[in-house]
């Protein structure tokens, strides 16, 4: 049960992913992953209204001014390296080309 499959909502276009669970167990409390993490800003209004008591108008003002958002602003795409390049540069020791199949993801 250490590796758990988590299905993401269709709009996130991630499919089902294998994630690391917890390396321990408790006798009376299930500790499985309940679902994917929230999207960026998903709970903004819930927290601002439910905890701080803000009304819709105040939340609208915060969104309009850019103080809160549902997506990052000024986003730049980070540079990426292939798995082979990561091995060549010493950032990974080894890559098993069949790891996805062994974990039961993507085929």
PDB file of N, CA and C in Angstrom:
ATOM      1  N   UNK A   1       0.784  -1.207   0.000  1.00  0.00           N
ATOM      2  CA  UNK A   1       0.000   0.000   0.000  1.00  0.00           C
ATOM      3  C   UNK A   1       0.826   1.272   0.000  1.00  0.00           C
ATOM      4  N   UNK A   2       2.152   1.177  -0.130  1.00  0.00           N
ATOM      5  CA  UNK A   2       2.986   2.377  -0.096  1.00  0.00           C
ATOM      6  C   UNK A   2       2.799   3.218  -1.351  1.00  0.00           C
ATOM      7  N   UNK A   3       2.664   2.577  -2.508  1.00  0.00           N
ATOM      8  CA  UNK A   3       2.396   3.299  -3.741  1.00  0.00           C
ATOM      9  C   UNK A   3       0.895   3.290  -3.969  1.00  0.00           C
ATOM     10  N   UNK A   4       0.324   4.479  -4.167  1.00  0.00           N
ATOM     11  CA  UNK A   4      -1.116   4.600  -4.340  1.00  0.00           C
ATOM     12  C   UNK A   4      -1.422   5.290  -5.658  1.00  0.00           C
ATOM     13  N   UNK A   5      -2.437   4.806  -6.349  1.00  0.00           N
ATOM     14  CA  UNK A   5      -2.869   5.437  -7.591  1.00  0.00           C
ATOM     15  C   UNK A   5      -3.890   6.516  -7.263  1.00  0.00           C
ATOM     16  N   UNK A   6      -3.680   7.694  -7.833  1.00  0.00           N
ATOM     17  CA  UNK A   6      -4.582   8.834  -7.625  1.00  0.00           C
ATOM     18  C   UNK A   6      -5.079   9.294  -8.984  1.00  0.00           C
ATOM     19  N   UNK A   7      -6.392   9.336  -9.138  1.00  0.00           N
ATOM     20  CA  UNK A   7      -6.991   9.792 -10.389  1.00  0.00           C
ATOM     21  C   UNK A   7      -7.285  11.286 -10.285  1.00  0.00           C
ATOM     22  N   UNK A   8      -6.796  12.034 -11.254  1.00  0.00           N
ATOM     23  CA  UNK A   8      -6.993  13.473 -11.294  1.00  0.00           C
ATOM     24  C   UNK A   8      -8.233  13.804 -12.117  1.00  0.00           C
ATOM     25  N   UNK A   9      -8.888  14.932 -11.827  1.00  0.00           N
ATOM     26  CA  UNK A   9     -10.039  15.349 -12.635  1.00  0.00           C
ATOM     27  C   UNK A   9      -9.644  15.535 -14.100  1.00  0.00           C
ATOM     28  N   UNK A  10     -10.579  15.300 -15.002  1.00  0.00           N
ATOM     29  CA  UNK A  10     -10.308  15.391 -16.442  1.00  0.00           C
ATOM     30  C   UNK A  10      -9.731  16.745 -16.853  1.00  0.00           C
ATOM     31  N   UNK A  11     -10.219  17.842 -16.244  1.00  0.00           N
ATOM     32  CA  UNK A  11      -9.759  19.169 -16.648  1.00  0.00           C
ATOM     33  C   UNK A  11      -8.284  19.414 -16.322  1.00  0.00           C
ATOM     34  N   UNK A  12      -7.698  18.612 -15.445  1.00  0.00           N
ATOM     35  CA  UNK A  12      -6.282  18.782 -15.123  1.00  0.00           C
ATOM     36  C   UNK A  12      -5.378  18.013 -16.071  1.00  0.00           C
ATOM     37  N   UNK A  13      -5.953  17.157 -16.917  1.00  0.00           N
ATOM     38  CA  UNK A  13      -5.233  16.452 -17.982  1.00  0.00           C
ATOM     39  C   UNK A  13      -3.997  15.715 -17.469  1.00  0.00           C
ATOM     40  N   UNK A  14      -4.128  15.052 -16.317  1.00  0.00           N
ATOM     41  CA  UNK A  14      -3.005  14.310 -15.736  1.00  0.00           C
ATOM     42  C   UNK A  14      -3.282  12.814 -15.646  1.00  0.00           C
ATOM     43  N   UNK A  15      -4.525  12.410 -15.878  1.00  0.00           N
ATOM     44  CA  UNK A  15      -4.850  10.995 -15.814  1.00  0.00           C
ATOM     45  C   UNK A  15      -4.723  10.442 -14.406  1.00  0.00           C
ATOM     46  N   UNK A  16      -4.267   9.210 -14.330  1.00  0.00           N
ATOM     47  CA  UNK A  16      -4.030   8.554 -13.042  1.00  0.00           C
ATOM     48  C   UNK A  16      -2.532   8.513 -12.808  1.00  0.00           C
ATOM     49  N   UNK A  17      -2.099   8.897 -11.644  1.00  0.00           N
ATOM     50  CA  UNK A  17      -0.678   8.922 -11.290  1.00  0.00           C
ATOM     51  C   UNK A  17      -0.417   8.044 -10.079  1.00  0.00           C
ATOM     52  N   UNK A  18       0.764   7.494 -10.020  1.00  0.00           N
ATOM     53  CA  UNK A  18       1.186   6.736  -8.845  1.00  0.00           C
ATOM     54  C   UNK A  18       1.912   7.694  -7.914  1.00  0.00           C
ATOM     55  N   UNK A  19       1.492   7.711  -6.662  1.00  0.00           N
ATOM     56  CA  UNK A  19       2.096   8.605  -5.675  1.00  0.00           C
ATOM     57  C   UNK A  19       2.584   7.797  -4.478  1.00  0.00           C
ATOM     58  N   UNK A  20       3.549   8.359  -3.791  1.00  0.00           N
ATOM     59  CA  UNK A  20       4.054   7.714  -2.585  1.00  0.00           C
ATOM     60  C   UNK A  20       3.084   7.934  -1.442  1.00  0.00           C
ATOM     61  N   UNK A  21       2.700   6.861  -0.802  1.00  0.00           N
ATOM     62  CA  UNK A  21       1.844   6.948   0.372  1.00  0.00           C
ATOM     63  C   UNK A  21       2.699   7.152   1.613  1.00  0.00           C
ATOM     64  N   UNK A  22       2.125   6.888   2.746  1.00  0.00           N
ATOM     65  CA  UNK A  22       2.858   7.048   4.005  1.00  0.00           C
ATOM     66  C   UNK A  22       3.589   5.754   4.355  1.00  0.00           C
ATOM     67  N   UNK A  23       4.808   5.863   4.856  1.00  0.00           N
ATOM     68  CA  UNK A  23       5.575   4.661   5.177  1.00  0.00           C
ATOM     69  C   UNK A  23       5.221   4.065   6.537  1.00  0.00           C
ATOM     70  N   UNK A  24       4.111   4.453   7.113  1.00  0.00           N
ATOM     71  CA  UNK A  24       3.668   3.911   8.398  1.00  0.00           C
ATOM     72  C   UNK A  24       2.167   3.672   8.335  1.00  0.00           C
ATOM     73  N   UNK A  25       1.657   2.994   9.311  1.00  0.00           N
ATOM     74  CA  UNK A  25       0.211   2.807   9.402  1.00  0.00           C
ATOM     75  C   UNK A  25      -0.219   2.964  10.849  1.00  0.00           C
ATOM     76  N   UNK A  26      -1.456   3.338  11.037  1.00  0.00           N
ATOM     77  CA  UNK A  26      -2.043   3.464  12.359  1.00  0.00           C
ATOM     78  C   UNK A  26      -3.169   2.448  12.459  1.00  0.00           C
ATOM     79  N   UNK A  27      -3.350   1.869  13.623  1.00  0.00           N
ATOM     80  CA  UNK A  27      -4.321   0.789  13.754  1.00  0.00           C
ATOM     81  C   UNK A  27      -5.768   1.242  13.589  1.00  0.00           C
ATOM     82  N   UNK A  28      -6.076   2.477  13.916  1.00  0.00           N
ATOM     83  CA  UNK A  28      -7.479   2.909  13.877  1.00  0.00           C
ATOM     84  C   UNK A  28      -7.754   4.070  12.935  1.00  0.00           C
ATOM     85  N   UNK A  29      -6.787   4.428  12.134  1.00  0.00           N
ATOM     86  CA  UNK A  29      -6.987   5.564  11.236  1.00  0.00           C
ATOM     87  C   UNK A  29      -6.447   5.236   9.849  1.00  0.00           C
ATOM     88  N   UNK A  30      -7.311   5.196   8.835  1.00  0.00           N
ATOM     89  CA  UNK A  30      -6.811   4.970   7.475  1.00  0.00           C
ATOM     90  C   UNK A  30      -6.017   6.187   7.002  1.00  0.00           C
ATOM     91  N   UNK A  31      -4.907   5.932   6.339  1.00  0.00           N
ATOM     92  CA  UNK A  31      -4.036   7.022   5.915  1.00  0.00           C
ATOM     93  C   UNK A  31      -3.839   7.058   4.407  1.00  0.00           C
ATOM     94  N   UNK A  32      -4.797   6.548   3.656  1.00  0.00           N
ATOM     95  CA  UNK A  32      -4.622   6.563   2.210  1.00  0.00           C
ATOM     96  C   UNK A  32      -4.821   7.972   1.648  1.00  0.00           C
ATOM     97  N   UNK A  33      -4.279   8.181   0.475  1.00  0.00           N
ATOM     98  CA  UNK A  33      -4.417   9.466  -0.200  1.00  0.00           C
ATOM     99  C   UNK A  33      -5.860   9.596  -0.660  1.00  0.00           C
ATOM    100  N   UNK A  34      -6.495  10.683  -0.318  1.00  0.00           N
ATOM    101  CA  UNK A  34      -7.918  10.862  -0.618  1.00  0.00           C
ATOM    102  C   UNK A  34      -8.171  11.450  -2.000  1.00  0.00           C
ATOM    103  N   UNK A  35      -7.174  12.051  -2.588  1.00  0.00           N
ATOM    104  CA  UNK A  35      -7.327  12.637  -3.912  1.00  0.00           C
ATOM    105  C   UNK A  35      -6.171  13.566  -4.207  1.00  0.00           C
ATOM    106  N   UNK A  36      -6.170  14.166  -5.377  1.00  0.00           N
ATOM    107  CA  UNK A  36      -5.084  15.080  -5.731  1.00  0.00           C
ATOM    108  C   UNK A  36      -5.127  16.350  -4.895  1.00  0.00           C
ATOM    109  N   UNK A  37      -4.007  17.022  -4.824  1.00  0.00           N
ATOM    110  CA  UNK A  37      -3.953  18.291  -4.118  1.00  0.00           C
ATOM    111  C   UNK A  37      -4.789  19.350  -4.826  1.00  0.00           C
ATOM    112  N   UNK A  38      -5.111  20.414  -4.151  1.00  0.00           N
ATOM    113  CA  UNK A  38      -5.939  21.459  -4.763  1.00  0.00           C
ATOM    114  C   UNK A  38      -5.186  22.192  -5.869  1.00  0.00           C
ATOM    115  N   UNK A  39      -5.945  22.788  -6.756  1.00  0.00           N
ATOM    116  CA  UNK A  39      -5.347  23.612  -7.795  1.00  0.00           C
ATOM    117  C   UNK A  39      -4.966  24.971  -7.194  1.00  0.00           C
ATOM    118  N   UNK A  40      -4.200  25.715  -7.915  1.00  0.00           N
ATOM    119  CA  UNK A  40      -3.737  27.027  -7.473  1.00  0.00           C
ATOM    120  C   UNK A  40      -4.942  27.922  -7.182  1.00  0.00           C
ATOM    121  N   UNK A  41      -5.055  28.392  -5.965  1.00  0.00           N
ATOM    122  CA  UNK A  41      -6.123  29.318  -5.585  1.00  0.00           C
ATOM    123  C   UNK A  41      -7.497  28.694  -5.427  1.00  0.00           C
ATOM    124  N   UNK A  42      -7.579  27.364  -5.481  1.00  0.00           N
ATOM    125  CA  UNK A  42      -8.883  26.694  -5.441  1.00  0.00           C
ATOM    126  C   UNK A  42      -9.707  27.059  -4.213  1.00  0.00           C
ATOM    127  N   UNK A  43      -9.081  27.278  -3.092  1.00  0.00           N
ATOM    128  CA  UNK A  43      -9.817  27.534  -1.853  1.00  0.00           C
ATOM    129  C   UNK A  43      -9.770  28.989  -1.399  1.00  0.00           C
ATOM    130  N   UNK A  44      -9.382  29.902  -2.284  1.00  0.00           N
ATOM    131  CA  UNK A  44      -9.276  31.319  -1.905  1.00  0.00           C
ATOM    132  C   UNK A  44     -10.556  31.840  -1.250  1.00  0.00           C
ATOM    133  N   UNK A  45     -11.643  31.741  -1.962  1.00  0.00           N
ATOM    134  CA  UNK A  45     -12.903  32.295  -1.438  1.00  0.00           C
ATOM    135  C   UNK A  45     -13.393  31.534  -0.210  1.00  0.00           C
ATOM    136  N   UNK A  46     -13.257  30.239  -0.215  1.00  0.00           N
ATOM    137  CA  UNK A  46     -13.683  29.436   0.930  1.00  0.00           C
ATOM    138  C   UNK A  46     -12.973  29.906   2.204  1.00  0.00           C
ATOM    139  N   UNK A  47     -11.681  30.159   2.095  1.00  0.00           N
ATOM    140  CA  UNK A  47     -10.920  30.607   3.266  1.00  0.00           C
ATOM    141  C   UNK A  47     -11.221  32.061   3.623  1.00  0.00           C
ATOM    142  N   UNK A  48     -11.219  32.920   2.628  1.00  0.00           N
ATOM    143  CA  UNK A  48     -11.456  34.338   2.900  1.00  0.00           C
ATOM    144  C   UNK A  48     -12.859  34.595   3.441  1.00  0.00           C
ATOM    145  N   UNK A  49     -13.839  33.892   2.908  1.00  0.00           N
ATOM    146  CA  UNK A  49     -15.208  34.105   3.357  1.00  0.00           C
ATOM    147  C   UNK A  49     -15.523  33.297   4.607  1.00  0.00           C
ATOM    148  N   UNK A  50     -15.089  32.056   4.642  1.00  0.00           N
ATOM    149  CA  UNK A  50     -15.424  31.189   5.761  1.00  0.00           C
ATOM    150  C   UNK A  50     -14.672  31.495   7.033  1.00  0.00           C
ATOM    151  N   UNK A  51     -13.417  31.904   6.908  1.00  0.00           N
ATOM    152  CA  UNK A  51     -12.600  32.157   8.101  1.00  0.00           C
ATOM    153  C   UNK A  51     -12.533  33.643   8.425  1.00  0.00           C
ATOM    154  N   UNK A  52     -12.308  34.464   7.408  1.00  0.00           N
ATOM    155  CA  UNK A  52     -12.149  35.906   7.648  1.00  0.00           C
ATOM    156  C   UNK A  52     -13.447  36.685   7.512  1.00  0.00           C
ATOM    157  N   UNK A  53     -14.468  36.053   6.965  1.00  0.00           N
ATOM    158  CA  UNK A  53     -15.766  36.707   6.861  1.00  0.00           C
ATOM    159  C   UNK A  53     -15.883  37.735   5.747  1.00  0.00           C
ATOM    160  N   UNK A  54     -14.990  37.675   4.744  1.00  0.00           N
ATOM    161  CA  UNK A  54     -15.076  38.622   3.628  1.00  0.00           C
ATOM    162  C   UNK A  54     -16.335  38.342   2.816  1.00  0.00           C
ATOM    163  N   UNK A  55     -16.914  39.381   2.229  1.00  0.00           N
ATOM    164  CA  UNK A  55     -18.064  39.194   1.358  1.00  0.00           C
ATOM    165  C   UNK A  55     -17.588  39.076  -0.101  1.00  0.00           C
ATOM    166  N   UNK A  56     -18.540  38.805  -1.009  1.00  0.00           N
ATOM    167  CA  UNK A  56     -18.183  38.634  -2.424  1.00  0.00           C
ATOM    168  C   UNK A  56     -17.510  39.870  -3.000  1.00  0.00           C
ATOM    169  N   UNK A  57     -17.985  41.035  -2.640  1.00  0.00           N
ATOM    170  CA  UNK A  57     -17.422  42.283  -3.180  1.00  0.00           C
ATOM    171  C   UNK A  57     -15.955  42.439  -2.794  1.00  0.00           C
ATOM    172  N   UNK A  58     -15.645  42.133  -1.550  1.00  0.00           N
ATOM    173  CA  UNK A  58     -14.253  42.271  -1.110  1.00  0.00           C
ATOM    174  C   UNK A  58     -13.365  41.244  -1.815  1.00  0.00           C
ATOM    175  N   UNK A  59     -13.848  40.026  -1.991  1.00  0.00           N
ATOM    176  CA  UNK A  59     -13.083  39.014  -2.716  1.00  0.00           C
ATOM    177  C   UNK A  59     -12.895  39.427  -4.170  1.00  0.00           C
ATOM    178  N   UNK A  60     -13.938  39.996  -4.787  1.00  0.00           N
ATOM    179  CA  UNK A  60     -13.832  40.487  -6.163  1.00  0.00           C
ATOM    180  C   UNK A  60     -12.762  41.570  -6.263  1.00  0.00           C
ATOM    181  N   UNK A  61     -12.717  42.475  -5.302  1.00  0.00           N
ATOM    182  CA  UNK A  61     -11.698  43.529  -5.290  1.00  0.00           C
ATOM    183  C   UNK A  61     -10.294  42.946  -5.175  1.00  0.00           C
ATOM    184  N   UNK A  62     -10.129  41.949  -4.325  1.00  0.00           N
ATOM    185  CA  UNK A  62      -8.819  41.311  -4.164  1.00  0.00           C
ATOM    186  C   UNK A  62      -8.386  40.631  -5.457  1.00  0.00           C
ATOM    187  N   UNK A  63      -9.323  39.992  -6.147  1.00  0.00           N
ATOM    188  CA  UNK A  63      -9.002  39.366  -7.433  1.00  0.00           C
ATOM    189  C   UNK A  63      -8.658  40.407  -8.485  1.00  0.00           C
ATOM    190  N   UNK A  64      -9.450  41.472  -8.550  1.00  0.00           N
ATOM    191  CA  UNK A  64      -9.219  42.516  -9.547  1.00  0.00           C
ATOM    192  C   UNK A  64      -7.871  43.203  -9.351  1.00  0.00           C
ATOM    193  N   UNK A  65      -7.448  43.340  -8.108  1.00  0.00           N
ATOM    194  CA  UNK A  65      -6.168  44.007  -7.834  1.00  0.00           C
ATOM    195  C   UNK A  65      -4.975  43.064  -7.942  1.00  0.00           C
ATOM    196  N   UNK A  66      -5.238  41.765  -8.140  1.00  0.00           N
ATOM    197  CA  UNK A  66      -4.147  40.807  -8.289  1.00  0.00           C
ATOM    198  C   UNK A  66      -3.594  40.273  -6.987  1.00  0.00           C
ATOM    199  N   UNK A  67      -4.227  40.603  -5.875  1.00  0.00           N
ATOM    200  CA  UNK A  67      -3.745  40.115  -4.586  1.00  0.00           C
ATOM    201  C   UNK A  67      -3.996  38.613  -4.440  1.00  0.00           C
ATOM    202  N   UNK A  68      -5.150  38.154  -4.926  1.00  0.00           N
ATOM    203  CA  UNK A  68      -5.407  36.722  -4.994  1.00  0.00           C
ATOM    204  C   UNK A  68      -5.676  36.364  -6.451  1.00  0.00           C
ATOM    205  N   UNK A  69      -5.436  35.106  -6.803  1.00  0.00           N
ATOM    206  CA  UNK A  69      -5.621  34.680  -8.186  1.00  0.00           C
ATOM    207  C   UNK A  69      -5.875  33.178  -8.222  1.00  0.00           C
ATOM    208  N   UNK A  70      -6.345  32.710  -9.367  1.00  0.00           N
ATOM    209  CA  UNK A  70      -6.535  31.276  -9.535  1.00  0.00           C
ATOM    210  C   UNK A  70      -5.514  30.683 -10.509  1.00  0.00           C
ATOM    211  N   UNK A  71      -4.541  31.513 -10.900  1.00  0.00           N
ATOM    212  CA  UNK A  71      -3.425  31.026 -11.694  1.00  0.00           C
ATOM    213  C   UNK A  71      -2.247  31.970 -11.487  1.00  0.00           C
ATOM    214  N   UNK A  72      -1.042  31.455 -11.592  1.00  0.00           N
ATOM    215  CA  UNK A  72       0.139  32.309 -11.378  1.00  0.00           C
ATOM    216  C   UNK A  72       0.219  33.411 -12.431  1.00  0.00           C
ATOM    217  N   UNK A  73       0.769  34.533 -12.039  1.00  0.00           N
ATOM    218  CA  UNK A  73       1.017  35.617 -12.987  1.00  0.00           C
ATOM    219  C   UNK A  73       2.516  35.704 -13.220  1.00  0.00           C
ATOM    220  N   UNK A  74       2.901  36.282 -14.333  1.00  0.00           N
ATOM    221  CA  UNK A  74       4.315  36.408 -14.706  1.00  0.00           C
ATOM    222  C   UNK A  74       5.016  35.053 -14.692  1.00  0.00           C
ATOM    223  N   UNK A  75       4.310  34.037 -15.167  1.00  0.00           N
ATOM    224  CA  UNK A  75       4.855  32.688 -15.165  1.00  0.00           C
ATOM    225  C   UNK A  75       5.841  32.506 -16.304  1.00  0.00           C
ATOM    226  N   UNK A  76       6.988  31.917 -16.014  1.00  0.00           N
ATOM    227  CA  UNK A  76       7.947  31.554 -17.045  1.00  0.00           C
ATOM    228  C   UNK A  76       8.150  30.044 -16.984  1.00  0.00           C
ATOM    229  N   UNK A  77       8.308  29.439 -18.124  1.00  0.00           N
ATOM    230  CA  UNK A  77       8.503  28.002 -18.185  1.00  0.00           C
ATOM    231  C   UNK A  77       9.920  27.670 -17.735  1.00  0.00           C
ATOM    232  N   UNK A  78      10.061  26.783 -16.742  1.00  0.00           N
ATOM    233  CA  UNK A  78      11.397  26.422 -16.286  1.00  0.00           C
ATOM    234  C   UNK A  78      12.119  25.558 -17.315  1.00  0.00           C
ATOM    235  N   UNK A  79      13.413  25.654 -17.320  1.00  0.00           N
ATOM    236  CA  UNK A  79      14.220  24.806 -18.196  1.00  0.00           C
ATOM    237  C   UNK A  79      14.097  23.359 -17.726  1.00  0.00           C
ATOM    238  N   UNK A  80      14.043  22.443 -18.663  1.00  0.00           N
ATOM    239  CA  UNK A  80      13.939  21.034 -18.304  1.00  0.00           C
ATOM    240  C   UNK A  80      15.063  20.249 -18.958  1.00  0.00           C
ATOM    241  N   UNK A  81      15.380  19.127 -18.354  1.00  0.00           N
ATOM    242  CA  UNK A  81      16.385  18.224 -18.903  1.00  0.00           C
ATOM    243  C   UNK A  81      15.741  16.868 -19.104  1.00  0.00           C
ATOM    244  N   UNK A  82      16.210  16.149 -20.087  1.00  0.00           N
ATOM    245  CA  UNK A  82      15.727  14.790 -20.279  1.00  0.00           C
ATOM    246  C   UNK A  82      16.283  13.913 -19.155  1.00  0.00           C
ATOM    247  N   UNK A  83      15.660  12.766 -18.964  1.00  0.00           N
ATOM    248  CA  UNK A  83      16.164  11.846 -17.934  1.00  0.00           C
ATOM    249  C   UNK A  83      17.591  11.419 -18.244  1.00  0.00           C
ATOM    250  N   UNK A  84      17.911  11.210 -19.525  1.00  0.00           N
ATOM    251  CA  UNK A  84      19.279  10.829 -19.899  1.00  0.00           C
ATOM    252  C   UNK A  84      20.275  11.935 -19.549  1.00  0.00           C
ATOM    253  N   UNK A  85      19.894  13.188 -19.785  1.00  0.00           N
ATOM    254  CA  UNK A  85      20.775  14.310 -19.436  1.00  0.00           C
ATOM    255  C   UNK A  85      20.946  14.425 -17.922  1.00  0.00           C
ATOM    256  N   UNK A  86      19.886  14.158 -17.168  1.00  0.00           N
ATOM    257  CA  UNK A  86      19.999  14.193 -15.708  1.00  0.00           C
ATOM    258  C   UNK A  86      20.989  13.146 -15.217  1.00  0.00           C
ATOM    259  N   UNK A  87      21.010  11.978 -15.846  1.00  0.00           N
ATOM    260  CA  UNK A  87      21.989  10.941 -15.484  1.00  0.00           C
ATOM    261  C   UNK A  87      23.389  11.399 -15.873  1.00  0.00           C
ATOM    262  N   UNK A  88      23.532  11.924 -17.093  1.00  0.00           N
ATOM    263  CA  UNK A  88      24.843  12.383 -17.569  1.00  0.00           C
ATOM    264  C   UNK A  88      25.426  13.471 -16.668  1.00  0.00           C
ATOM    265  N   UNK A  89      24.576  14.355 -16.148  1.00  0.00           N
ATOM    266  CA  UNK A  89      25.030  15.447 -15.291  1.00  0.00           C
ATOM    267  C   UNK A  89      25.153  15.058 -13.829  1.00  0.00           C
ATOM    268  N   UNK A  90      24.887  13.801 -13.511  1.00  0.00           N
ATOM    269  CA  UNK A  90      25.047  13.331 -12.144  1.00  0.00           C
ATOM    270  C   UNK A  90      23.904  13.682 -11.209  1.00  0.00           C
ATOM    271  N   UNK A  91      22.801  14.176 -11.737  1.00  0.00           N
ATOM    272  CA  UNK A  91      21.657  14.506 -10.878  1.00  0.00           C
ATOM    273  C   UNK A  91      20.829  13.275 -10.551  1.00  0.00           C
ATOM    274  N   UNK A  92      20.877  12.271 -11.417  1.00  0.00           N
ATOM    275  CA  UNK A  92      20.272  10.974 -11.156  1.00  0.00           C
ATOM    276  C   UNK A  92      21.357   9.924 -11.335  1.00  0.00           C
ATOM    277  N   UNK A  93      21.290   8.868 -10.541  1.00  0.00           N
ATOM    278  CA  UNK A  93      22.278   7.806 -10.665  1.00  0.00           C
ATOM    279  C   UNK A  93      21.938   6.873 -11.821  1.00  0.00           C
ATOM    280  N   UNK A  94      20.640   6.622 -12.034  1.00  0.00           N
ATOM    281  CA  UNK A  94      20.237   5.639 -13.023  1.00  0.00           C
ATOM    282  C   UNK A  94      18.762   5.847 -13.333  1.00  0.00           C
ATOM    283  N   UNK A  95      18.361   5.527 -14.549  1.00  0.00           N
ATOM    284  CA  UNK A  95      16.954   5.568 -14.932  1.00  0.00           C
ATOM    285  C   UNK A  95      16.594   4.228 -15.551  1.00  0.00           C
ATOM    286  N   UNK A  96      15.582   3.604 -15.004  1.00  0.00           N
ATOM    287  CA  UNK A  96      15.077   2.358 -15.560  1.00  0.00           C
ATOM    288  C   UNK A  96      14.061   2.721 -16.640  1.00  0.00           C
ATOM    289  N   UNK A  97      14.340   2.415 -17.905  1.00  0.00           N
ATOM    290  CA  UNK A  97      13.428   2.812 -18.974  1.00  0.00           C
ATOM    291  C   UNK A  97      12.055   2.142 -18.887  1.00  0.00           C
ATOM    292  N   UNK A  98      11.929   1.121 -18.078  1.00  0.00           N
ATOM    293  CA  UNK A  98      10.653   0.419 -17.933  1.00  0.00           C
ATOM    294  C   UNK A  98       9.947   0.752 -16.623  1.00  0.00           C
ATOM    295  N   UNK A  99      10.369   1.838 -15.952  1.00  0.00           N
ATOM    296  CA  UNK A  99       9.816   2.142 -14.637  1.00  0.00           C
ATOM    297  C   UNK A  99       8.314   2.393 -14.676  1.00  0.00           C
ATOM    298  N   UNK A 100       7.819   3.032 -15.733  1.00  0.00           N
ATOM    299  CA  UNK A 100       6.384   3.312 -15.791  1.00  0.00           C
ATOM    300  C   UNK A 100       5.575   2.026 -15.858  1.00  0.00           C
ATOM    301  N   UNK A 101       6.029   1.078 -16.650  1.00  0.00           N
ATOM    302  CA  UNK A 101       5.331  -0.195 -16.728  1.00  0.00           C
ATOM    303  C   UNK A 101       5.388  -0.968 -15.430  1.00  0.00           C
ATOM    304  N   UNK A 102       6.524  -0.919 -14.747  1.00  0.00           N
ATOM    305  CA  UNK A 102       6.668  -1.626 -13.467  1.00  0.00           C
ATOM    306  C   UNK A 102       5.775  -1.019 -12.388  1.00  0.00           C
ATOM    307  N   UNK A 103       5.537   0.281 -12.459  1.00  0.00           N
ATOM    308  CA  UNK A 103       4.661   0.933 -11.494  1.00  0.00           C
ATOM    309  C   UNK A 103       3.199   0.879 -11.919  1.00  0.00           C
ATOM    310  N   UNK A 104       2.952   0.430 -13.130  1.00  0.00           N
ATOM    311  CA  UNK A 104       1.574   0.333 -13.605  1.00  0.00           C
ATOM    312  C   UNK A 104       0.994   1.646 -14.086  1.00  0.00           C
ATOM    313  N   UNK A 105       1.867   2.538 -14.570  1.00  0.00           N
ATOM    314  CA  UNK A 105       1.373   3.819 -15.089  1.00  0.00           C
ATOM    315  C   UNK A 105       1.724   3.931 -16.568  1.00  0.00           C
ATOM    316  N   UNK A 106       0.843   4.544 -17.305  1.00  0.00           N
ATOM    317  CA  UNK A 106       0.992   4.818 -18.736  1.00  0.00           C
ATOM    318  C   UNK A 106       1.233   3.577 -19.582  1.00  0.00           C
ATOM    319  N   UNK A 107       1.025   2.432 -19.070  1.00  0.00           N
ATOM    320  CA  UNK A 107       1.127   1.265 -19.934  1.00  0.00           C
ATOM    321  C   UNK A 107       2.087   0.301 -19.437  1.00  0.00           C
TER     322      UNK A 107
END
